[in-house]
Amino acid sequence: MKPTVLRLFFFLLSSISFSHATTAYPSIPGTTSVEYGADTDALIPPRREVYGNGRIFDVSHRYSTNMPAFETNDGVGEFLWLPKSMKNGSLANNSEFKMPTHTGTHVDAPGHVFDHYFDAGFDVDTLDLEVLNGPALLVDVPRDKNITAEVMKSLHIPKGVRRVLFRTLNTDRRLMFQKEFDSSYVGFMKDGAQWLVDNTDIKLVGIDYLSVAAYDDLIPSHLVFLEGREIILVEALKLDDIQPGIYSVHCLPLRLPGAEGSPIRCILIK
């Protein structure tokens, strides 16, 4: 990265209001890190949110039956089965799962909202891994509004920044930990999406609920983002209690030819 861009990054960071983070990450119930018990005979599997002594943050949501799904109050529901079990005489345990591709932390491909792109094969297997992996800026969005052109201007994201994760009121409201879908979530309005496309170098847009687009501008905002086939949308990120700033983001979708969306595992590295 060019020194001038780095200087712009740090200038930007000096103007950002940091959130009041605690030493625990994240603070949301049900996501506490679990380590091995003191009793060495106890088989307690570790489930971590932070790795490498606070250097690596898992920003993807753990799947559960009560995870919200788009436009339903019933959550994701049962998605994992064990048709072959050692308890029932199988040689090994072999699970199966079934869920919508736009569930939990996931990525959108151009075929999500453009049928001719879908037919042409612009699926998740065609997404650029270079865009999905590299330096990223985490910013806090003003909490009282959707992401409009005015809001985008106020964030002062410098030219040269290619990956931005937008933390919004969705994180404060813990919407990804509520079973019922909430259409009042914060997202991009069409003019905010257009301003980003026209005035920034951003190619990865990440946000903290099931859609980057506000419900009232759901399809129009998606169309603006995905028409050029250069911007990748990462949705439903877990950004609780991470300081705004520069990280290395790493997001990997499944290789699913023909799929316009895919679950992903995303991490941030300091």
C-alpha atoms as a PDB file:
ATOM      1  CA  MET A   1       0.000   0.000   0.000  1.00  0.00           C
ATOM      2  CA  LYS A   2       1.304   3.440  -0.893  1.00  0.00           C
ATOM      3  CA  PRO A   3       2.576   5.643   1.996  1.00  0.00           C
ATOM      4  CA  THR A   4       0.200   8.438   1.015  1.00  0.00           C
ATOM      5  CA  VAL A   5      -2.773   6.092   1.395  1.00  0.00           C
ATOM      6  CA  LEU A   6      -1.491   4.921   4.783  1.00  0.00           C
ATOM      7  CA  ARG A   7      -1.185   8.523   5.950  1.00  0.00           C
ATOM      8  CA  LEU A   8      -4.768   9.116   4.856  1.00  0.00           C
ATOM      9  CA  PHE A   9      -5.830   6.025   6.822  1.00  0.00           C
ATOM     10  CA  PHE A  10      -4.297   7.283  10.022  1.00  0.00           C
ATOM     11  CA  PHE A  11      -5.707  10.769   9.478  1.00  0.00           C
ATOM     12  CA  LEU A  12      -9.126   9.172   9.121  1.00  0.00           C
ATOM     13  CA  LEU A  13      -8.659   7.110  12.270  1.00  0.00           C
ATOM     14  CA  SER A  14      -7.859  10.226  14.265  1.00  0.00           C
ATOM     15  CA  SER A  15     -11.290  11.629  13.358  1.00  0.00           C
ATOM     16  CA  ILE A  16     -13.280   8.504  14.232  1.00  0.00           C
ATOM     17  CA  SER A  17     -15.067   8.203  17.564  1.00  0.00           C
ATOM     18  CA  PHE A  18     -14.061   4.842  19.032  1.00  0.00           C
ATOM     19  CA  SER A  19     -16.736   2.711  20.612  1.00  0.00           C
ATOM     20  CA  HIS A  20     -16.624   1.882  24.304  1.00  0.00           C
ATOM     21  CA  ALA A  21     -15.367  -1.680  24.010  1.00  0.00           C
ATOM     22  CA  THR A  22     -14.891  -4.003  26.928  1.00  0.00           C
ATOM     23  CA  THR A  23     -12.028  -6.438  27.339  1.00  0.00           C
ATOM     24  CA  ALA A  24     -14.405  -9.246  26.409  1.00  0.00           C
ATOM     25  CA  TYR A  25     -15.246  -9.779  22.778  1.00  0.00           C
ATOM     26  CA  PRO A  26     -17.988  -9.941  21.942  1.00  0.00           C
ATOM     27  CA  SER A  27     -20.294  -8.983  24.811  1.00  0.00           C
ATOM     28  CA  ILE A  28     -23.340 -10.630  23.265  1.00  0.00           C
ATOM     29  CA  PRO A  29     -24.855 -13.540  25.236  1.00  0.00           C
ATOM     30  CA  GLY A  30     -24.278 -16.893  23.609  1.00  0.00           C
ATOM     31  CA  THR A  31     -20.942 -15.970  22.051  1.00  0.00           C
ATOM     32  CA  THR A  32     -18.681 -16.231  25.073  1.00  0.00           C
ATOM     33  CA  SER A  33     -15.402 -17.987  24.393  1.00  0.00           C
ATOM     34  CA  VAL A  34     -15.267 -21.438  25.974  1.00  0.00           C
ATOM     35  CA  GLU A  35     -11.895 -22.946  26.851  1.00  0.00           C
ATOM     36  CA  TYR A  36     -10.960 -26.355  28.182  1.00  0.00           C
ATOM     37  CA  GLY A  37     -12.018 -26.992  31.767  1.00  0.00           C
ATOM     38  CA  ALA A  38      -9.618 -27.216  34.679  1.00  0.00           C
ATOM     39  CA  ASP A  39     -10.457 -30.898  34.980  1.00  0.00           C
ATOM     40  CA  THR A  40      -8.238 -32.533  32.378  1.00  0.00           C
ATOM     41  CA  ASP A  41     -10.661 -35.461  32.154  1.00  0.00           C
ATOM     42  CA  ALA A  42     -13.532 -33.194  31.096  1.00  0.00           C
ATOM     43  CA  LEU A  43     -14.104 -33.124  27.352  1.00  0.00           C
ATOM     44  CA  ILE A  44     -15.085 -29.483  26.871  1.00  0.00           C
ATOM     45  CA  PRO A  45     -14.460 -28.283  23.321  1.00  0.00           C
ATOM     46  CA  PRO A  46     -13.105 -24.743  22.929  1.00  0.00           C
ATOM     47  CA  ARG A  47     -15.330 -22.297  21.070  1.00  0.00           C
ATOM     48  CA  ARG A  48     -13.380 -19.110  20.588  1.00  0.00           C
ATOM     49  CA  GLU A  49     -14.213 -15.644  19.353  1.00  0.00           C
ATOM     50  CA  VAL A  50     -10.649 -14.335  19.630  1.00  0.00           C
ATOM     51  CA  TYR A  51      -7.424 -16.102  18.687  1.00  0.00           C
ATOM     52  CA  GLY A  52      -3.719 -15.352  18.907  1.00  0.00           C
ATOM     53  CA  ASN A  53      -3.885 -13.432  22.197  1.00  0.00           C
ATOM     54  CA  GLY A  54      -6.333 -10.865  20.837  1.00  0.00           C
ATOM     55  CA  ARG A  55      -4.839 -10.559  17.376  1.00  0.00           C
ATOM     56  CA  ILE A  56      -7.454 -12.491  15.384  1.00  0.00           C
ATOM     57  CA  PHE A  57     -11.206 -11.806  15.629  1.00  0.00           C
ATOM     58  CA  ASP A  58     -13.844 -14.139  14.247  1.00  0.00           C
ATOM     59  CA  VAL A  59     -16.463 -11.822  12.717  1.00  0.00           C
ATOM     60  CA  SER A  60     -18.720 -14.552  11.344  1.00  0.00           C
ATOM     61  CA  HIS A  61     -21.790 -15.678  13.257  1.00  0.00           C
ATOM     62  CA  ARG A  62     -22.089 -19.126  14.745  1.00  0.00           C
ATOM     63  CA  TYR A  63     -25.036 -20.935  13.156  1.00  0.00           C
ATOM     64  CA  SER A  64     -28.044 -21.767  15.315  1.00  0.00           C
ATOM     65  CA  THR A  65     -31.664 -22.738  14.750  1.00  0.00           C
ATOM     66  CA  ASN A  66     -32.747 -19.356  16.167  1.00  0.00           C
ATOM     67  CA  MET A  67     -30.530 -17.318  13.840  1.00  0.00           C
ATOM     68  CA  PRO A  68     -32.669 -14.788  11.921  1.00  0.00           C
ATOM     69  CA  ALA A  69     -33.563 -15.439   8.301  1.00  0.00           C
ATOM     70  CA  PHE A  70     -34.812 -12.904   5.791  1.00  0.00           C
ATOM     71  CA  GLU A  71     -38.513 -12.008   6.043  1.00  0.00           C
ATOM     72  CA  THR A  72     -39.502 -14.695   8.536  1.00  0.00           C
ATOM     73  CA  ASN A  73     -40.133 -14.750  12.274  1.00  0.00           C
ATOM     74  CA  ASP A  74     -39.282 -18.441  12.544  1.00  0.00           C
ATOM     75  CA  GLY A  75     -35.506 -18.173  12.310  1.00  0.00           C
ATOM     76  CA  VAL A  76     -33.363 -20.570  10.314  1.00  0.00           C
ATOM     77  CA  GLY A  77     -34.829 -23.648  11.975  1.00  0.00           C
ATOM     78  CA  GLU A  78     -33.296 -27.111  11.819  1.00  0.00           C
ATOM     79  CA  PHE A  79     -30.446 -27.173   9.335  1.00  0.00           C
ATOM     80  CA  LEU A  80     -28.191 -30.008  10.525  1.00  0.00           C
ATOM     81  CA  TRP A  81     -28.907 -33.737  10.702  1.00  0.00           C
ATOM     82  CA  LEU A  82     -26.913 -36.871  11.518  1.00  0.00           C
ATOM     83  CA  PRO A  83     -28.301 -39.560   9.186  1.00  0.00           C
ATOM     84  CA  LYS A  84     -25.302 -41.827   9.808  1.00  0.00           C
ATOM     85  CA  SER A  85     -24.411 -42.186  13.455  1.00  0.00           C
ATOM     86  CA  MET A  86     -21.875 -44.396  15.212  1.00  0.00           C
ATOM     87  CA  LYS A  87     -24.477 -44.834  17.953  1.00  0.00           C
ATOM     88  CA  ASN A  88     -26.676 -46.541  15.367  1.00  0.00           C
ATOM     89  CA  GLY A  89     -23.982 -48.797  13.988  1.00  0.00           C
ATOM     90  CA  SER A  90     -22.354 -46.607  11.315  1.00  0.00           C
ATOM     91  CA  LEU A  91     -18.576 -46.746  10.981  1.00  0.00           C
ATOM     92  CA  ALA A  92     -18.388 -42.951  11.390  1.00  0.00           C
ATOM     93  CA  ASN A  93     -20.585 -39.956  12.127  1.00  0.00           C
ATOM     94  CA  ASN A  94     -21.652 -38.223   8.891  1.00  0.00           C
ATOM     95  CA  SER A  95     -23.807 -35.085   9.072  1.00  0.00           C
ATOM     96  CA  GLU A  96     -25.868 -33.389   6.402  1.00  0.00           C
ATOM     97  CA  PHE A  97     -27.009 -29.782   6.323  1.00  0.00           C
ATOM     98  CA  LYS A  98     -29.458 -27.730   4.309  1.00  0.00           C
ATOM     99  CA  MET A  99     -29.973 -23.972   4.500  1.00  0.00           C
ATOM    100  CA  PRO A 100     -30.480 -20.927   2.272  1.00  0.00           C
ATOM    101  CA  THR A 101     -27.227 -19.612   0.827  1.00  0.00           C
ATOM    102  CA  HIS A 102     -28.002 -16.113   2.170  1.00  0.00           C
ATOM    103  CA  THR A 103     -28.050 -17.293   5.790  1.00  0.00           C
ATOM    104  CA  GLY A 104     -25.830 -16.003   8.576  1.00  0.00           C
ATOM    105  CA  THR A 105     -22.575 -14.353   7.544  1.00  0.00           C
ATOM    106  CA  HIS A 106     -22.585 -14.654   3.767  1.00  0.00           C
ATOM    107  CA  VAL A 107     -21.562 -13.128   0.450  1.00  0.00           C
ATOM    108  CA  ASP A 108     -23.621 -11.975  -2.554  1.00  0.00           C
ATOM    109  CA  ALA A 109     -22.635 -12.591  -6.169  1.00  0.00           C
ATOM    110  CA  PRO A 110     -23.912 -10.502  -9.141  1.00  0.00           C
ATOM    111  CA  GLY A 111     -26.440 -13.199 -10.074  1.00  0.00           C
ATOM    112  CA  HIS A 112     -28.307 -12.462  -6.849  1.00  0.00           C
ATOM    113  CA  VAL A 113     -30.267  -9.592  -8.421  1.00  0.00           C
ATOM    114  CA  PHE A 114     -29.383  -9.749 -12.138  1.00  0.00           C
ATOM    115  CA  ASP A 115     -30.938 -12.718 -13.896  1.00  0.00           C
ATOM    116  CA  HIS A 116     -28.765 -12.377 -17.007  1.00  0.00           C
ATOM    117  CA  TYR A 117     -25.678 -12.507 -14.754  1.00  0.00           C
ATOM    118  CA  PHE A 118     -27.127 -15.587 -13.069  1.00  0.00           C
ATOM    119  CA  ASP A 119     -27.665 -17.288 -16.430  1.00  0.00           C
ATOM    120  CA  ALA A 120     -24.174 -16.298 -17.572  1.00  0.00           C
ATOM    121  CA  GLY A 121     -22.609 -17.944 -14.525  1.00  0.00           C
ATOM    122  CA  PHE A 122     -21.523 -14.983 -12.373  1.00  0.00           C
ATOM    123  CA  ASP A 123     -21.792 -17.054  -9.196  1.00  0.00           C
ATOM    124  CA  VAL A 124     -19.841 -17.176  -5.936  1.00  0.00           C
ATOM    125  CA  ASP A 125     -17.195 -19.382  -7.556  1.00  0.00           C
ATOM    126  CA  THR A 126     -16.265 -16.434  -9.805  1.00  0.00           C
ATOM    127  CA  LEU A 127     -15.715 -13.898  -7.005  1.00  0.00           C
ATOM    128  CA  ASP A 128     -12.257 -12.359  -6.703  1.00  0.00           C
ATOM    129  CA  LEU A 129     -10.467 -13.689  -3.617  1.00  0.00           C
ATOM    130  CA  GLU A 130      -8.057 -10.766  -3.811  1.00  0.00           C
ATOM    131  CA  VAL A 131     -10.968  -8.444  -3.083  1.00  0.00           C
ATOM    132  CA  LEU A 132     -12.177 -10.664  -0.243  1.00  0.00           C
ATOM    133  CA  ASN A 133      -8.769 -10.699   1.442  1.00  0.00           C
ATOM    134  CA  GLY A 134      -6.592  -7.719   2.338  1.00  0.00           C
ATOM    135  CA  PRO A 135      -6.433  -4.434   4.296  1.00  0.00           C
ATOM    136  CA  ALA A 136      -9.846  -3.241   5.461  1.00  0.00           C
ATOM    137  CA  LEU A 137     -11.235  -0.274   7.345  1.00  0.00           C
ATOM    138  CA  LEU A 138     -13.883  -0.738  10.044  1.00  0.00           C
ATOM    139  CA  VAL A 139     -15.979   2.400  10.533  1.00  0.00           C
ATOM    140  CA  ASP A 140     -18.835   3.357  12.828  1.00  0.00           C
ATOM    141  CA  VAL A 141     -21.876   4.743  11.021  1.00  0.00           C
ATOM    142  CA  PRO A 142     -23.961   7.524  12.645  1.00  0.00           C
ATOM    143  CA  ARG A 143     -26.579   5.662  14.628  1.00  0.00           C
ATOM    144  CA  ASP A 144     -29.676   7.681  13.742  1.00  0.00           C
ATOM    145  CA  LYS A 145     -30.032   7.010  10.020  1.00  0.00           C
ATOM    146  CA  ASN A 146     -29.556   4.672   7.070  1.00  0.00           C
ATOM    147  CA  ILE A 147     -26.431   4.972   4.931  1.00  0.00           C
ATOM    148  CA  THR A 148     -27.299   7.761   2.516  1.00  0.00           C
ATOM    149  CA  ALA A 149     -25.054   9.822   0.266  1.00  0.00           C
ATOM    150  CA  GLU A 150     -24.880  12.386   3.066  1.00  0.00           C
ATOM    151  CA  VAL A 151     -23.713   9.758   5.535  1.00  0.00           C
ATOM    152  CA  MET A 152     -21.123   8.433   3.094  1.00  0.00           C
ATOM    153  CA  LYS A 153     -19.713  11.944   2.656  1.00  0.00           C
ATOM    154  CA  SER A 154     -19.542  12.402   6.435  1.00  0.00           C
ATOM    155  CA  LEU A 155     -17.386   9.281   6.875  1.00  0.00           C
ATOM    156  CA  HIS A 156     -14.535  10.855   4.851  1.00  0.00           C
ATOM    157  CA  ILE A 157     -13.269   7.531   3.519  1.00  0.00           C
ATOM    158  CA  PRO A 158     -10.150   8.380   1.509  1.00  0.00           C
ATOM    159  CA  LYS A 159      -9.435   7.307  -2.031  1.00  0.00           C
ATOM    160  CA  GLY A 160      -7.437   4.107  -2.206  1.00  0.00           C
ATOM    161  CA  VAL A 161      -9.424   2.306   0.499  1.00  0.00           C
ATOM    162  CA  ARG A 162     -10.795  -0.847  -1.145  1.00  0.00           C
ATOM    163  CA  ARG A 163     -12.510  -2.695   1.711  1.00  0.00           C
ATOM    164  CA  VAL A 164     -14.816  -1.124   4.294  1.00  0.00           C
ATOM    165  CA  LEU A 165     -16.859  -2.777   7.033  1.00  0.00           C
ATOM    166  CA  PHE A 166     -19.753  -0.596   8.179  1.00  0.00           C
ATOM    167  CA  ARG A 167     -20.831  -1.046  11.800  1.00  0.00           C
ATOM    168  CA  THR A 168     -24.293   0.359  12.423  1.00  0.00           C
ATOM    169  CA  LEU A 169     -27.138   0.469  14.902  1.00  0.00           C
ATOM    170  CA  ASN A 170     -27.772  -3.164  13.917  1.00  0.00           C
ATOM    171  CA  THR A 171     -24.870  -4.213  16.134  1.00  0.00           C
ATOM    172  CA  ASP A 172     -26.069  -2.082  19.050  1.00  0.00           C
ATOM    173  CA  ARG A 173     -29.548  -3.597  18.743  1.00  0.00           C
ATOM    174  CA  ARG A 174     -28.118  -7.123  18.488  1.00  0.00           C
ATOM    175  CA  LEU A 175     -30.400  -7.888  15.565  1.00  0.00           C
ATOM    176  CA  MET A 176     -28.419 -10.953  14.484  1.00  0.00           C
ATOM    177  CA  PHE A 177     -29.158 -12.491  17.882  1.00  0.00           C
ATOM    178  CA  GLN A 178     -32.921 -12.110  17.538  1.00  0.00           C
ATOM    179  CA  LYS A 179     -34.909 -14.932  15.973  1.00  0.00           C
ATOM    180  CA  GLU A 180     -37.438 -12.630  14.313  1.00  0.00           C
ATOM    181  CA  PHE A 181     -36.480 -10.743  11.170  1.00  0.00           C
ATOM    182  CA  ASP A 182     -36.513  -6.967  11.742  1.00  0.00           C
ATOM    183  CA  SER A 183     -37.173  -4.851   8.654  1.00  0.00           C
ATOM    184  CA  SER A 184     -36.124  -1.683  10.510  1.00  0.00           C
ATOM    185  CA  TYR A 185     -32.444  -2.654  10.246  1.00  0.00           C
ATOM    186  CA  VAL A 186     -29.928  -0.062   9.018  1.00  0.00           C
ATOM    187  CA  GLY A 187     -28.560  -0.378   5.496  1.00  0.00           C
ATOM    188  CA  PHE A 188     -27.655   1.499   2.343  1.00  0.00           C
ATOM    189  CA  MET A 189     -30.196   3.653   0.578  1.00  0.00           C
ATOM    190  CA  LYS A 190     -29.888   3.827  -3.196  1.00  0.00           C
ATOM    191  CA  ASP A 191     -28.232   7.262  -3.150  1.00  0.00           C
ATOM    192  CA  GLY A 192     -25.684   6.067  -0.580  1.00  0.00           C
ATOM    193  CA  ALA A 193     -24.819   3.056  -2.720  1.00  0.00           C
ATOM    194  CA  GLN A 194     -24.504   5.269  -5.798  1.00  0.00           C
ATOM    195  CA  TRP A 195     -22.275   7.739  -3.977  1.00  0.00           C
ATOM    196  CA  LEU A 196     -19.978   4.908  -2.901  1.00  0.00           C
ATOM    197  CA  VAL A 197     -19.758   3.561  -6.459  1.00  0.00           C
ATOM    198  CA  ASP A 198     -19.128   6.997  -7.981  1.00  0.00           C
ATOM    199  CA  ASN A 199     -16.780   8.531  -5.407  1.00  0.00           C
ATOM    200  CA  THR A 200     -14.723   5.787  -3.732  1.00  0.00           C
ATOM    201  CA  ASP A 201     -12.427   2.904  -4.632  1.00  0.00           C
ATOM    202  CA  ILE A 202     -14.310   0.498  -2.357  1.00  0.00           C
ATOM    203  CA  LYS A 203     -14.736  -3.006  -3.784  1.00  0.00           C
ATOM    204  CA  LEU A 204     -15.756  -4.886  -0.636  1.00  0.00           C
ATOM    205  CA  VAL A 205     -18.755  -3.609   1.322  1.00  0.00           C
ATOM    206  CA  GLY A 206     -19.445  -5.325   4.640  1.00  0.00           C
ATOM    207  CA  ILE A 207     -22.318  -4.717   7.039  1.00  0.00           C
ATOM    208  CA  ASP A 208     -23.752  -6.117  10.269  1.00  0.00           C
ATOM    209  CA  TYR A 209     -27.175  -7.480   9.246  1.00  0.00           C
ATOM    210  CA  LEU A 210     -28.648  -9.787   6.636  1.00  0.00           C
ATOM    211  CA  SER A 211     -28.597  -7.194   3.859  1.00  0.00           C
ATOM    212  CA  VAL A 212     -26.351  -4.262   2.970  1.00  0.00           C
ATOM    213  CA  ALA A 213     -29.425  -2.550   1.513  1.00  0.00           C
ATOM    214  CA  ALA A 214     -32.029  -0.868   3.698  1.00  0.00           C
ATOM    215  CA  TYR A 215     -35.393  -2.625   3.486  1.00  0.00           C
ATOM    216  CA  ASP A 216     -37.047   0.354   1.784  1.00  0.00           C
ATOM    217  CA  ASP A 217     -34.369   0.357  -0.948  1.00  0.00           C
ATOM    218  CA  LEU A 218     -33.687  -3.362  -0.951  1.00  0.00           C
ATOM    219  CA  ILE A 219     -33.420  -4.132  -4.667  1.00  0.00           C
ATOM    220  CA  PRO A 220     -32.428  -0.647  -5.946  1.00  0.00           C
ATOM    221  CA  SER A 221     -29.352  -0.560  -3.679  1.00  0.00           C
ATOM    222  CA  HIS A 222     -28.339  -4.094  -4.613  1.00  0.00           C
ATOM    223  CA  LEU A 223     -28.648  -3.226  -8.298  1.00  0.00           C
ATOM    224  CA  VAL A 224     -26.327  -0.237  -7.896  1.00  0.00           C
ATOM    225  CA  PHE A 225     -23.708  -2.281  -6.047  1.00  0.00           C
ATOM    226  CA  LEU A 226     -23.732  -5.381  -8.241  1.00  0.00           C
ATOM    227  CA  GLU A 227     -24.340  -4.023 -11.732  1.00  0.00           C
ATOM    228  CA  GLY A 228     -20.637  -3.390 -12.407  1.00  0.00           C
ATOM    229  CA  ARG A 229     -19.635  -6.867 -11.091  1.00  0.00           C
ATOM    230  CA  GLU A 230     -16.663  -5.301  -9.259  1.00  0.00           C
ATOM    231  CA  ILE A 231     -18.117  -4.844  -5.761  1.00  0.00           C
ATOM    232  CA  ILE A 232     -18.546  -7.812  -3.433  1.00  0.00           C
ATOM    233  CA  LEU A 233     -21.156  -7.627  -0.679  1.00  0.00           C
ATOM    234  CA  VAL A 234     -20.466  -9.295   2.670  1.00  0.00           C
ATOM    235  CA  GLU A 235     -23.494  -9.389   4.930  1.00  0.00           C
ATOM    236  CA  ALA A 236     -24.306 -10.254   8.562  1.00  0.00           C
ATOM    237  CA  LEU A 237     -20.849  -9.601  10.007  1.00  0.00           C
ATOM    238  CA  LYS A 238     -20.322  -9.854  13.770  1.00  0.00           C
ATOM    239  CA  LEU A 239     -18.638  -6.544  14.667  1.00  0.00           C
ATOM    240  CA  ASP A 240     -19.429  -6.256  18.358  1.00  0.00           C
ATOM    241  CA  ASP A 241     -16.800  -4.531  20.516  1.00  0.00           C
ATOM    242  CA  ILE A 242     -14.075  -4.268  17.895  1.00  0.00           C
ATOM    243  CA  GLN A 243     -12.340  -0.913  17.737  1.00  0.00           C
ATOM    244  CA  PRO A 244     -12.750   1.010  14.475  1.00  0.00           C
ATOM    245  CA  GLY A 245      -9.547   1.008  12.511  1.00  0.00           C
ATOM    246  CA  ILE A 246      -7.439  -0.851  10.002  1.00  0.00           C
ATOM    247  CA  TYR A 247      -7.374  -4.641   9.919  1.00  0.00           C
ATOM    248  CA  SER A 248      -6.562  -7.409   7.515  1.00  0.00           C
ATOM    249  CA  VAL A 249      -9.842  -9.059   6.526  1.00  0.00           C
ATOM    250  CA  HIS A 250     -10.070 -12.614   5.260  1.00  0.00           C
ATOM    251  CA  CYS A 251     -13.378 -13.929   3.902  1.00  0.00           C
ATOM    252  CA  LEU A 252     -13.727 -17.210   2.027  1.00  0.00           C
ATOM    253  CA  PRO A 253     -16.969 -18.314   0.346  1.00  0.00           C
ATOM    254  CA  LEU A 254     -17.657 -21.918  -0.538  1.00  0.00           C
ATOM    255  CA  ARG A 255     -16.951 -22.918  -4.132  1.00  0.00           C
ATOM    256  CA  LEU A 256     -20.553 -23.406  -5.245  1.00  0.00           C
ATOM    257  CA  PRO A 257     -20.900 -23.147  -9.041  1.00  0.00           C
ATOM    258  CA  GLY A 258     -24.386 -21.890  -9.852  1.00  0.00           C
ATOM    259  CA  ALA A 259     -24.990 -20.316  -6.428  1.00  0.00           C
ATOM    260  CA  GLU A 260     -25.568 -16.564  -6.175  1.00  0.00           C
ATOM    261  CA  GLY A 261     -24.745 -16.560  -2.454  1.00  0.00           C
ATOM    262  CA  SER A 262     -22.642 -18.534  -0.004  1.00  0.00           C
ATOM    263  CA  PRO A 263     -21.977 -18.785   3.710  1.00  0.00           C
ATOM    264  CA  ILE A 264     -18.484 -17.511   4.532  1.00  0.00           C
ATOM    265  CA  ARG A 265     -16.031 -17.565   7.402  1.00  0.00           C
ATOM    266  CA  CYS A 266     -14.631 -14.079   7.966  1.00  0.00           C
ATOM    267  CA  ILE A 267     -11.844 -13.038  10.302  1.00  0.00           C
ATOM    268  CA  LEU A 268     -10.082  -9.779  11.113  1.00  0.00           C
ATOM    269  CA  ILE A 269      -6.385  -9.723  11.952  1.00  0.00           C
ATOM    270  CA  LYS A 270      -4.774  -6.763  13.690  1.00  0.00           C
END
